[in-house]
Amino acid sequence: MMTAELAGSQVIIELVYLIASVLFILSLKWMSSPTTARHGIWAGEVGMLLAICGTLLHHGIVDYRLIAIGLVLGTIIGVPLGRVAMTAVPQRTALSHAFGALCVTLVGSAEFYLRAPNISRFMMSVLSLEVILGGLTVTGSLMAAGKLQEILPQRPLTYKGQNLVNLVLLVGALVIAVSLVLHPEARSLFPFMILIALAFGVLLIIPIGGADMPTVISLLNGYAGLSAAAMGFVLDSKLLIIAGALDGSSGLILSIIMSKAMNRSFTNVLFGAFGQVQTSHAAGEEARPVRSATPEEAAAILSAANRVIVVPGYGMAVAQAQHKVRELYDSLSKRGVDVRFAIHPVAGRMPGHMNVLLAEADIPYDRLIEMEEINGDFPQTDVALVIGANDVTNPAARSDASSPIYGMPILDVDKAHTAMVIKRSMNPGFAGIDNPLYYLDNTLMLFGDAKAFVGSIVRELSGGHG
């Protein structure tokens, strides 16, 4: 009778896991489009709830009290993390990767000490992969969060022979892993493998600049997913294998897309120390003049335009100006101006950052146009309004072979009849290089806080319209 009950319970668990797996797949599919992204979020959340409930039904659980404590602690930590400002979503995402990877590393460690030395070579190989990927993702994600939160310097931190040190650490971790596969009884080696992985995660991320954080975040997401898939093999959990494989492959594919959008290779992103501040002017050379405009002048130019393309960047996110941008969109649209938004794949601090911010402000999805679709329209555009975007609008990427961003696809805002750039100062962006766009004859610099400046433009338009 007991055996039949256990078998029935196992069938229910497997059915719940199957439904959860389908929901995870649908979630990933739906989140690929802004119009279905909300459905994707709900599918992912329901799938995760089912996965947790299915696990709690597992007959192997002896004591639910520790699980209850874990759920309470997770809720206490998770609720505040879910209430961060939209500008802090990238670093919160990095922290989520760190928590997930920490879980994987701890579970892998527990499984090793429970099973060793009676562990097969295949299982030891998978477990080593799980712990190495998990460990480097923990500290790497924490370093990424620190850079995004500006607790750590956003510029690359480098020293001579850094890449060689990183390579030695990685090889060292792999050598220990091979040793454990051949001799799982050498339990004393296991902590060293974890410590090396943790150190490697730190040293891997600190030489990477803020401009590359979107790619780094998606890459760390891939590492976390692969480590979770490895944990699925160790725990014999098909659901974990599926979820981890989805997470890992999507993170890797997204990283490839992001690197392609910057015309950069993975090796250049990870080891190129991209983002060091470049010298803007030769010694003794005078700073080039720029043309600026007031909110009143900017409002007059916008009101006379037929076509306007808004280019959002991280400066818009920092100023939390997305709702004022929505008011500007409404005001111009009422005047019959065709307003669209040009979205560069690496604008902001994480993949899709600008889409999320503008969607939060209820700007219609069909007004958000990807770079490949909208770039050909800039020559026929009256005004390109750049709000806090720097490197993704830099014409040096097309013309200056000596520029660090040479070859990177950019938004062709310099080809618009008039380019207006809202920026606090002339300081360079995350890539640390000067932007020739600011000195062109058809460019007007609008100096100030993005939220305040856009608000002033809206007030001018409202007054003029009224």
Protein backbone atom coordinates (compact mmCIF):
# COMPACT_ATOMS: atom_id res chain seq x y z
CA MET A 1 0.00 0.00 0.00
CA MET A 2 2.81 2.38 0.95
CA THR A 3 4.66 1.57 -2.28
CA ALA A 4 1.54 2.37 -4.33
CA GLU A 5 1.11 5.68 -2.53
CA LEU A 6 4.74 6.61 -3.16
CA ALA A 7 4.37 5.68 -6.82
CA GLY A 8 1.22 7.79 -7.10
CA SER A 9 2.91 10.70 -5.38
CA GLN A 10 5.87 10.42 -7.75
CA VAL A 11 3.53 10.53 -10.76
CA ILE A 12 1.94 13.72 -9.44
CA ILE A 13 5.37 15.27 -8.85
CA GLU A 14 6.54 14.39 -12.37
CA LEU A 15 3.32 15.81 -13.84
CA VAL A 16 3.77 19.07 -11.89
CA TYR A 17 7.39 19.24 -13.07
CA LEU A 18 6.31 18.66 -16.67
CA ILE A 19 3.81 21.53 -16.51
CA ALA A 20 6.46 23.76 -14.89
CA SER A 21 8.94 22.89 -17.66
CA VAL A 22 6.41 23.81 -20.35
CA LEU A 23 5.71 27.11 -18.59
CA PHE A 24 9.44 27.89 -18.42
CA ILE A 25 9.76 27.31 -22.17
CA LEU A 26 6.68 29.44 -22.90
CA SER A 27 7.99 32.14 -20.56
CA LEU A 28 11.22 32.41 -22.51
CA LYS A 29 9.31 32.47 -25.78
CA TRP A 30 6.86 35.16 -24.66
CA MET A 31 9.53 37.37 -23.13
CA SER A 32 11.17 37.70 -26.54
CA SER A 33 8.54 40.28 -27.51
CA PRO A 34 7.43 43.41 -25.58
CA THR A 35 3.78 42.70 -26.40
CA THR A 36 3.83 39.28 -24.72
CA ALA A 37 6.49 39.93 -22.07
CA ARG A 38 3.93 40.25 -19.25
CA HIS A 39 2.55 36.81 -20.12
CA GLY A 40 6.11 35.50 -20.05
CA ILE A 41 6.68 36.86 -16.56
CA TRP A 42 3.48 35.29 -15.27
CA ALA A 43 4.30 31.96 -16.91
CA GLY A 44 7.75 31.96 -15.33
CA GLU A 45 6.38 32.80 -11.90
CA VAL A 46 3.66 30.15 -12.03
CA GLY A 47 6.17 27.62 -13.33
CA MET A 48 8.54 28.37 -10.44
CA LEU A 49 5.68 28.11 -7.92
CA LEU A 50 4.73 24.69 -9.33
CA ALA A 51 8.37 23.59 -9.23
CA ILE A 52 8.61 24.53 -5.54
CA CYS A 53 5.31 22.83 -4.71
CA GLY A 54 6.35 19.69 -6.58
CA THR A 55 9.62 19.59 -4.66
CA LEU A 56 7.80 19.99 -1.33
CA LEU A 57 5.76 16.87 -2.20
CA HIS A 58 8.93 14.81 -2.56
CA HIS A 59 8.88 11.77 -0.30
CA GLY A 60 12.58 12.18 0.53
CA ILE A 61 11.96 15.22 2.70
CA VAL A 62 12.39 14.29 6.36
CA ASP A 63 11.86 17.60 8.19
CA TYR A 64 9.90 20.58 6.82
CA ARG A 65 10.97 22.95 9.60
CA LEU A 66 14.29 23.90 7.99
CA ILE A 67 12.52 24.35 4.66
CA ALA A 68 9.99 26.66 6.31
CA ILE A 69 12.83 28.70 7.83
CA GLY A 70 14.47 28.94 4.42
CA LEU A 71 11.22 30.09 2.80
CA VAL A 72 10.73 32.77 5.46
CA LEU A 73 14.32 34.02 5.12
CA GLY A 74 14.03 34.00 1.34
CA THR A 75 10.84 36.05 1.54
CA ILE A 76 12.44 38.56 3.93
CA ILE A 77 15.35 39.03 1.54
CA GLY A 78 13.36 38.81 -1.70
CA VAL A 79 10.57 41.31 -1.00
CA PRO A 80 12.87 44.35 -0.57
CA LEU A 81 14.93 43.25 -3.58
CA GLY A 82 11.77 43.23 -5.67
CA ARG A 83 10.97 46.83 -4.76
CA VAL A 84 14.10 48.50 -6.10
CA ALA A 85 13.92 51.45 -8.46
CA MET A 86 13.95 50.71 -12.18
CA THR A 87 17.43 52.21 -12.39
CA ALA A 88 18.67 49.57 -9.94
CA VAL A 89 17.25 46.58 -11.84
CA PRO A 90 20.64 45.71 -13.47
CA GLN A 91 22.45 45.39 -10.14
CA ARG A 92 19.49 43.59 -8.62
CA THR A 93 19.66 41.13 -11.52
CA ALA A 94 23.36 40.63 -10.83
CA LEU A 95 22.55 39.92 -7.16
CA SER A 96 19.95 37.36 -8.25
CA HIS A 97 22.63 35.59 -10.26
CA ALA A 98 24.90 35.63 -7.20
CA PHE A 99 22.21 34.12 -4.96
CA GLY A 100 21.35 31.43 -7.49
CA ALA A 101 25.00 30.55 -8.04
CA LEU A 102 25.62 30.46 -4.27
CA CYS A 103 22.79 27.95 -3.94
CA VAL A 104 24.30 25.80 -6.67
CA THR A 105 27.76 25.93 -5.08
CA LEU A 106 26.46 25.02 -1.61
CA VAL A 107 24.33 22.15 -2.90
CA GLY A 108 27.24 20.85 -4.97
CA SER A 109 29.52 20.99 -1.94
CA ALA A 110 26.99 19.15 0.22
CA GLU A 111 26.52 16.46 -2.43
CA PHE A 112 30.29 15.94 -2.71
CA TYR A 113 30.81 15.42 1.02
CA LEU A 114 27.75 13.17 1.23
CA ARG A 115 28.84 10.95 -1.66
CA ALA A 116 32.65 10.96 -1.76
CA PRO A 117 34.54 8.74 -2.19
CA ASN A 118 31.71 6.59 -3.58
CA ILE A 119 31.06 8.77 -6.60
CA SER A 120 31.39 7.90 -10.29
CA ARG A 121 33.84 9.74 -12.52
CA PHE A 122 31.03 11.14 -14.66
CA MET A 123 29.17 12.46 -11.64
CA MET A 124 32.36 13.93 -10.17
CA SER A 125 33.07 15.66 -13.50
CA VAL A 126 29.59 17.21 -13.57
CA LEU A 127 29.78 18.17 -9.90
CA SER A 128 33.16 19.87 -10.43
CA LEU A 129 31.75 21.82 -13.38
CA GLU A 130 28.78 22.81 -11.23
CA VAL A 131 30.93 24.10 -8.38
CA ILE A 132 33.50 25.92 -10.55
CA LEU A 133 30.83 27.71 -12.62
CA GLY A 134 28.77 28.41 -9.51
CA GLY A 135 31.70 29.78 -7.53
CA LEU A 136 32.98 32.15 -10.21
CA THR A 137 29.41 33.33 -10.86
CA VAL A 138 28.89 34.17 -7.17
CA THR A 139 31.82 36.55 -6.88
CA GLY A 140 31.65 37.70 -10.51
CA SER A 141 28.03 38.73 -10.05
CA LEU A 142 28.83 40.52 -6.80
CA MET A 143 31.62 42.45 -8.56
CA ALA A 144 29.23 43.34 -11.40
CA ALA A 145 26.60 44.54 -8.91
CA GLY A 146 29.25 46.60 -7.13
CA LYS A 147 30.32 48.28 -10.36
CA LEU A 148 26.71 48.96 -11.36
CA GLN A 149 25.93 50.40 -7.92
CA GLU A 150 29.17 52.43 -8.16
CA ILE A 151 30.44 50.90 -4.92
CA LEU A 152 33.37 49.71 -7.02
CA PRO A 153 35.06 51.79 -9.76
CA GLN A 154 33.28 51.48 -13.10
CA ARG A 155 36.53 51.90 -14.99
CA PRO A 156 38.59 48.74 -15.58
CA LEU A 157 40.98 47.83 -12.76
CA THR A 158 44.04 46.32 -14.39
CA TYR A 159 47.59 45.32 -13.56
CA LYS A 160 50.46 43.82 -15.52
CA GLY A 161 50.07 40.12 -16.23
CA GLN A 162 46.42 40.08 -15.17
CA ASN A 163 45.21 37.80 -17.94
CA LEU A 164 48.01 35.35 -17.21
CA VAL A 165 47.06 35.26 -13.52
CA ASN A 166 43.43 34.59 -14.47
CA LEU A 167 44.47 31.79 -16.82
CA VAL A 168 46.65 30.18 -14.13
CA LEU A 169 43.75 30.27 -11.66
CA LEU A 170 41.33 28.70 -14.13
CA VAL A 171 43.83 25.98 -15.07
CA GLY A 172 44.48 25.38 -11.37
CA ALA A 173 40.78 24.83 -10.69
CA LEU A 174 40.51 22.44 -13.65
CA VAL A 175 43.60 20.49 -12.52
CA ILE A 176 42.05 20.00 -9.08
CA ALA A 177 38.78 18.95 -10.75
CA VAL A 178 40.60 16.31 -12.82
CA SER A 179 42.42 15.10 -9.70
CA LEU A 180 39.11 14.69 -7.87
CA VAL A 181 37.60 12.84 -10.82
CA LEU A 182 40.49 10.37 -10.68
CA HIS A 183 40.77 10.33 -6.89
CA PRO A 184 37.47 11.37 -5.24
CA GLU A 185 38.83 10.24 -1.90
CA ALA A 186 41.12 13.31 -1.86
CA ARG A 187 38.42 15.35 -0.13
CA SER A 188 40.88 17.97 1.13
CA LEU A 189 41.34 19.29 -2.42
CA PHE A 190 37.67 20.25 -2.80
CA PRO A 191 37.74 23.51 -0.75
CA PHE A 192 40.72 24.72 -2.79
CA MET A 193 38.75 24.24 -6.00
CA ILE A 194 35.95 26.39 -4.61
CA LEU A 195 38.31 29.10 -3.32
CA ILE A 196 40.09 29.32 -6.69
CA ALA A 197 36.72 29.61 -8.49
CA LEU A 198 35.65 32.40 -6.13
CA ALA A 199 38.92 34.27 -6.66
CA PHE A 200 38.69 33.79 -10.43
CA GLY A 201 35.20 35.37 -10.44
CA VAL A 202 36.56 38.51 -8.77
CA LEU A 203 39.57 38.84 -11.05
CA LEU A 204 37.52 38.09 -14.15
CA ILE A 205 35.14 41.03 -13.65
CA ILE A 206 37.24 43.84 -12.14
CA PRO A 207 39.12 44.56 -15.43
CA ILE A 208 35.82 44.97 -17.29
CA GLY A 209 34.44 48.49 -17.67
CA GLY A 210 30.89 49.76 -17.20
CA ALA A 211 30.27 49.89 -20.96
CA ASP A 212 30.45 46.10 -21.12
CA MET A 213 28.21 45.38 -18.13
CA PRO A 214 25.16 44.45 -20.28
CA THR A 215 27.17 41.69 -21.94
CA VAL A 216 28.73 40.63 -18.63
CA ILE A 217 25.32 40.33 -16.96
CA SER A 218 23.94 38.13 -19.74
CA LEU A 219 27.13 36.04 -19.70
CA LEU A 220 26.90 35.54 -15.93
CA ASN A 221 23.28 34.57 -16.46
CA GLY A 222 24.51 31.88 -18.84
CA TYR A 223 27.08 30.64 -16.31
CA ALA A 224 24.41 30.46 -13.60
CA GLY A 225 22.13 28.49 -15.91
CA LEU A 226 24.82 26.01 -16.90
CA SER A 227 25.77 25.43 -13.26
CA ALA A 228 22.09 24.82 -12.44
CA ALA A 229 21.83 22.33 -15.31
CA ALA A 230 24.90 20.53 -13.95
CA MET A 231 23.23 20.45 -10.53
CA GLY A 232 20.21 18.86 -12.20
CA PHE A 233 22.41 15.95 -13.33
CA VAL A 234 23.87 15.59 -9.84
CA LEU A 235 20.42 15.60 -8.19
CA ASP A 236 18.80 13.59 -11.00
CA SER A 237 16.28 16.39 -11.55
CA LYS A 238 14.95 16.69 -15.10
CA LEU A 239 13.30 20.00 -14.23
CA LEU A 240 16.59 21.53 -13.11
CA ILE A 241 18.32 20.29 -16.25
CA ILE A 242 15.63 21.85 -18.45
CA ALA A 243 15.47 25.14 -16.53
CA GLY A 244 19.26 25.41 -16.34
CA ALA A 245 19.69 24.61 -20.02
CA LEU A 246 17.12 27.26 -20.95
CA ASP A 247 18.77 29.83 -18.70
CA GLY A 248 22.30 28.97 -19.81
CA SER A 249 21.60 28.85 -23.55
CA SER A 250 19.51 32.03 -23.54
CA GLY A 251 22.23 33.87 -21.59
CA LEU A 252 24.90 32.69 -24.01
CA ILE A 253 22.82 33.59 -27.09
CA LEU A 254 22.03 37.01 -25.64
CA SER A 255 25.72 37.59 -24.91
CA ILE A 256 26.53 36.76 -28.53
CA ILE A 257 23.88 39.21 -29.72
CA MET A 258 25.23 41.90 -27.40
CA SER A 259 28.82 41.34 -28.52
CA LYS A 260 27.72 41.49 -32.15
CA ALA A 261 25.90 44.75 -31.43
CA MET A 262 29.21 46.19 -30.22
CA ASN A 263 31.24 44.50 -32.98
CA ARG A 264 33.38 42.93 -30.26
CA SER A 265 34.44 39.38 -29.43
CA PHE A 266 33.95 37.62 -26.10
CA THR A 267 37.70 37.69 -25.52
CA ASN A 268 37.78 41.44 -26.08
CA VAL A 269 34.88 41.97 -23.67
CA LEU A 270 36.38 39.76 -20.98
CA PHE A 271 40.06 40.59 -21.38
CA GLY A 272 40.25 43.87 -23.30
CA ALA A 273 39.94 46.26 -20.31
CA PHE A 274 37.50 48.27 -22.43
CA GLY A 275 36.43 51.55 -20.85
CA GLN A 276 39.67 53.25 -19.86
CA VAL A 277 39.28 57.02 -20.15
CA GLN A 278 40.87 58.21 -23.40
CA THR A 279 42.60 61.54 -23.87
CA SER A 280 40.10 63.83 -25.57
CA HIS A 281 42.49 66.47 -26.86
CA ALA A 282 46.13 66.60 -27.75
CA ALA A 283 48.42 68.44 -25.39
CA GLY A 284 48.01 72.17 -25.75
CA GLU A 285 44.99 71.87 -28.01
CA GLU A 286 42.01 74.04 -27.12
CA ALA A 287 38.69 72.39 -26.39
CA ARG A 288 36.37 72.48 -29.36
CA PRO A 289 33.35 74.78 -29.16
CA VAL A 290 29.84 73.38 -28.86
CA ARG A 291 26.45 74.92 -29.58
CA SER A 292 23.90 74.80 -26.78
CA ALA A 293 20.21 75.63 -26.47
CA THR A 294 17.70 76.47 -23.76
CA PRO A 295 14.49 74.54 -23.05
CA GLU A 296 12.55 77.32 -24.81
CA GLU A 297 14.66 76.98 -27.96
CA ALA A 298 14.48 73.18 -27.86
CA ALA A 299 10.69 73.31 -27.50
CA ALA A 300 10.41 75.64 -30.49
CA ILE A 301 12.51 73.31 -32.66
CA LEU A 302 10.52 70.24 -31.61
CA SER A 303 7.15 71.90 -32.14
CA ALA A 304 8.14 72.84 -35.71
CA ALA A 305 9.24 69.28 -36.54
CA ASN A 306 7.28 66.66 -38.44
CA ARG A 307 9.40 63.66 -37.48
CA VAL A 308 11.21 63.17 -34.18
CA ILE A 309 13.27 60.20 -33.04
CA VAL A 310 14.06 59.97 -29.34
CA VAL A 311 17.23 58.04 -28.41
CA PRO A 312 17.17 57.00 -24.73
CA GLY A 313 20.28 56.03 -22.76
CA TYR A 314 21.36 55.35 -19.23
CA GLY A 315 21.31 59.08 -18.43
CA MET A 316 17.54 58.92 -18.82
CA ALA A 317 17.44 56.00 -16.39
CA VAL A 318 19.63 57.75 -13.81
CA ALA A 319 17.45 60.86 -13.91
CA GLN A 320 14.30 58.69 -13.84
CA ALA A 321 13.04 60.82 -16.70
CA GLN A 322 10.96 58.15 -18.47
CA HIS A 323 7.62 59.56 -17.28
CA LYS A 324 8.57 63.09 -18.38
CA VAL A 325 9.59 61.58 -21.71
CA ARG A 326 6.11 60.08 -21.93
CA GLU A 327 4.64 63.56 -21.33
CA LEU A 328 6.85 64.91 -24.10
CA TYR A 329 5.67 62.11 -26.40
CA ASP A 330 2.03 62.93 -25.63
CA SER A 331 2.54 66.67 -26.11
CA LEU A 332 4.28 66.29 -29.47
CA SER A 333 1.84 63.63 -30.69
CA LYS A 334 -1.09 65.98 -29.99
CA ARG A 335 0.61 68.49 -32.28
CA GLY A 336 0.75 65.90 -35.06
CA VAL A 337 4.46 65.18 -34.70
CA ASP A 338 5.48 61.59 -35.53
CA VAL A 339 7.53 60.50 -32.49
CA ARG A 340 9.39 57.21 -32.33
CA PHE A 341 12.07 55.78 -30.04
CA ALA A 342 15.32 54.26 -31.33
CA ILE A 343 16.55 51.39 -29.16
CA HIS A 344 20.19 50.30 -29.34
CA PRO A 345 20.79 46.70 -28.15
CA VAL A 346 23.37 47.77 -25.54
CA ALA A 347 21.84 51.05 -24.37
CA GLY A 348 21.70 51.16 -20.57
CA ARG A 349 23.17 48.71 -18.11
CA MET A 350 21.42 45.48 -19.03
CA PRO A 351 19.75 43.87 -22.07
CA GLY A 352 16.38 45.48 -22.77
CA HIS A 353 16.92 48.19 -20.13
CA MET A 354 15.47 51.00 -22.27
CA ASN A 355 12.49 48.90 -23.34
CA VAL A 356 11.64 48.20 -19.71
CA LEU A 357 11.90 51.85 -18.65
CA LEU A 358 9.78 53.14 -21.54
CA ALA A 359 7.22 50.38 -21.10
CA GLU A 360 6.96 51.36 -17.42
CA ALA A 361 5.98 54.83 -18.61
CA ASP A 362 3.28 53.27 -20.87
CA ILE A 363 4.84 54.39 -24.14
CA PRO A 364 3.23 52.25 -26.87
CA TYR A 365 5.27 49.19 -27.86
CA ASP A 366 4.95 49.96 -31.56
CA ARG A 367 6.81 53.24 -31.00
CA LEU A 368 9.92 51.38 -29.74
CA ILE A 369 11.99 50.57 -32.83
CA GLU A 370 15.18 48.51 -32.88
CA MET A 371 18.37 49.98 -34.33
CA GLU A 372 18.37 47.91 -37.54
CA GLU A 373 14.85 49.03 -38.43
CA ILE A 374 15.16 52.73 -37.66
CA ASN A 375 18.70 53.67 -38.68
CA GLY A 376 17.74 54.28 -42.31
CA ASP A 377 15.14 56.86 -41.22
CA PHE A 378 17.50 59.35 -39.56
CA PRO A 379 18.34 61.27 -42.78
CA GLN A 380 14.59 62.00 -43.19
CA THR A 381 14.17 62.95 -39.51
CA ASP A 382 13.82 66.58 -38.45
CA VAL A 383 15.06 66.12 -34.88
CA ALA A 384 16.95 63.32 -33.15
CA LEU A 385 16.61 63.90 -29.41
CA VAL A 386 19.31 62.03 -27.48
CA ILE A 387 18.56 61.64 -23.77
CA GLY A 388 21.57 60.47 -21.81
CA ALA A 389 23.01 58.18 -24.51
CA ASN A 390 26.72 58.48 -25.31
CA ASP A 391 28.67 55.65 -26.88
CA VAL A 392 25.76 54.21 -28.92
CA THR A 393 25.54 57.52 -30.84
CA ASN A 394 29.27 58.13 -31.35
CA PRO A 395 30.12 58.68 -35.06
CA ALA A 396 33.75 57.76 -34.33
CA ALA A 397 32.59 54.15 -34.50
CA ARG A 398 32.12 54.64 -38.26
CA SER A 399 35.02 56.93 -39.17
CA ASP A 400 37.89 56.72 -36.65
CA ALA A 401 39.91 53.51 -37.02
CA SER A 402 41.91 54.41 -33.89
CA SER A 403 38.79 54.61 -31.72
CA PRO A 404 38.19 51.76 -29.21
CA ILE A 405 34.61 51.48 -30.51
CA TYR A 406 35.53 51.50 -34.22
CA GLY A 407 33.22 49.16 -36.12
CA MET A 408 30.51 49.12 -33.45
CA PRO A 409 27.04 49.60 -34.98
CA ILE A 410 25.62 52.91 -33.76
CA LEU A 411 22.41 54.90 -34.08
CA ASP A 412 22.95 57.38 -36.93
CA VAL A 413 21.66 60.42 -35.03
CA ASP A 414 24.27 62.66 -36.68
CA LYS A 415 22.47 62.18 -40.00
CA ALA A 416 19.26 63.83 -38.73
CA HIS A 417 18.60 67.44 -39.77
CA THR A 418 19.08 68.49 -36.14
CA ALA A 419 20.50 66.45 -33.27
CA MET A 420 19.75 67.61 -29.73
CA VAL A 421 21.62 65.95 -26.87
CA ILE A 422 20.48 66.21 -23.25
CA LYS A 423 23.53 65.68 -21.07
CA ARG A 424 24.75 66.90 -17.68
CA SER A 425 28.25 67.72 -18.93
CA MET A 426 30.80 66.98 -21.64
CA ASN A 427 32.21 64.03 -19.70
CA PRO A 428 32.64 60.82 -21.73
CA GLY A 429 30.33 57.84 -21.45
CA PHE A 430 31.07 54.35 -20.13
CA ALA A 431 33.51 53.66 -22.95
CA GLY A 432 35.60 56.59 -21.70
CA ILE A 433 35.98 58.29 -25.09
CA ASP A 434 34.99 61.66 -26.51
CA ASN A 435 31.97 61.90 -28.81
CA PRO A 436 32.44 63.96 -32.03
CA LEU A 437 28.64 64.21 -32.31
CA TYR A 438 28.64 66.99 -29.72
CA TYR A 439 30.77 69.28 -31.90
CA LEU A 440 28.89 68.95 -35.21
CA ASP A 441 27.20 71.96 -36.80
CA ASN A 442 23.78 70.30 -36.67
CA THR A 443 24.07 69.37 -32.97
CA LEU A 444 22.69 71.34 -30.05
CA MET A 445 23.74 70.44 -26.51
CA LEU A 446 21.01 70.69 -23.88
CA PHE A 447 22.96 70.77 -20.61
CA GLY A 448 21.15 69.71 -17.46
CA ASP A 449 19.36 66.92 -15.63
CA ALA A 450 17.32 64.89 -18.12
CA LYS A 451 14.14 64.84 -16.03
CA ALA A 452 14.24 68.58 -15.32
CA PHE A 453 15.16 69.54 -18.88
CA VAL A 454 12.48 67.39 -20.51
CA GLY A 455 9.98 68.73 -17.98
CA SER A 456 10.90 72.29 -18.98
CA ILE A 457 10.42 71.45 -22.66
CA VAL A 458 6.99 69.96 -21.89
CA ARG A 459 5.96 73.09 -19.99
CA GLU A 460 7.05 75.28 -22.90
CA LEU A 461 5.10 73.14 -25.36
CA SER A 462 2.03 73.17 -23.15
CA GLY A 463 2.18 76.92 -22.74
CA GLY A 464 2.65 77.50 -26.43
CA HIS A 465 -0.11 75.09 -27.33
CA GLY A 466 -2.52 76.54 -24.86
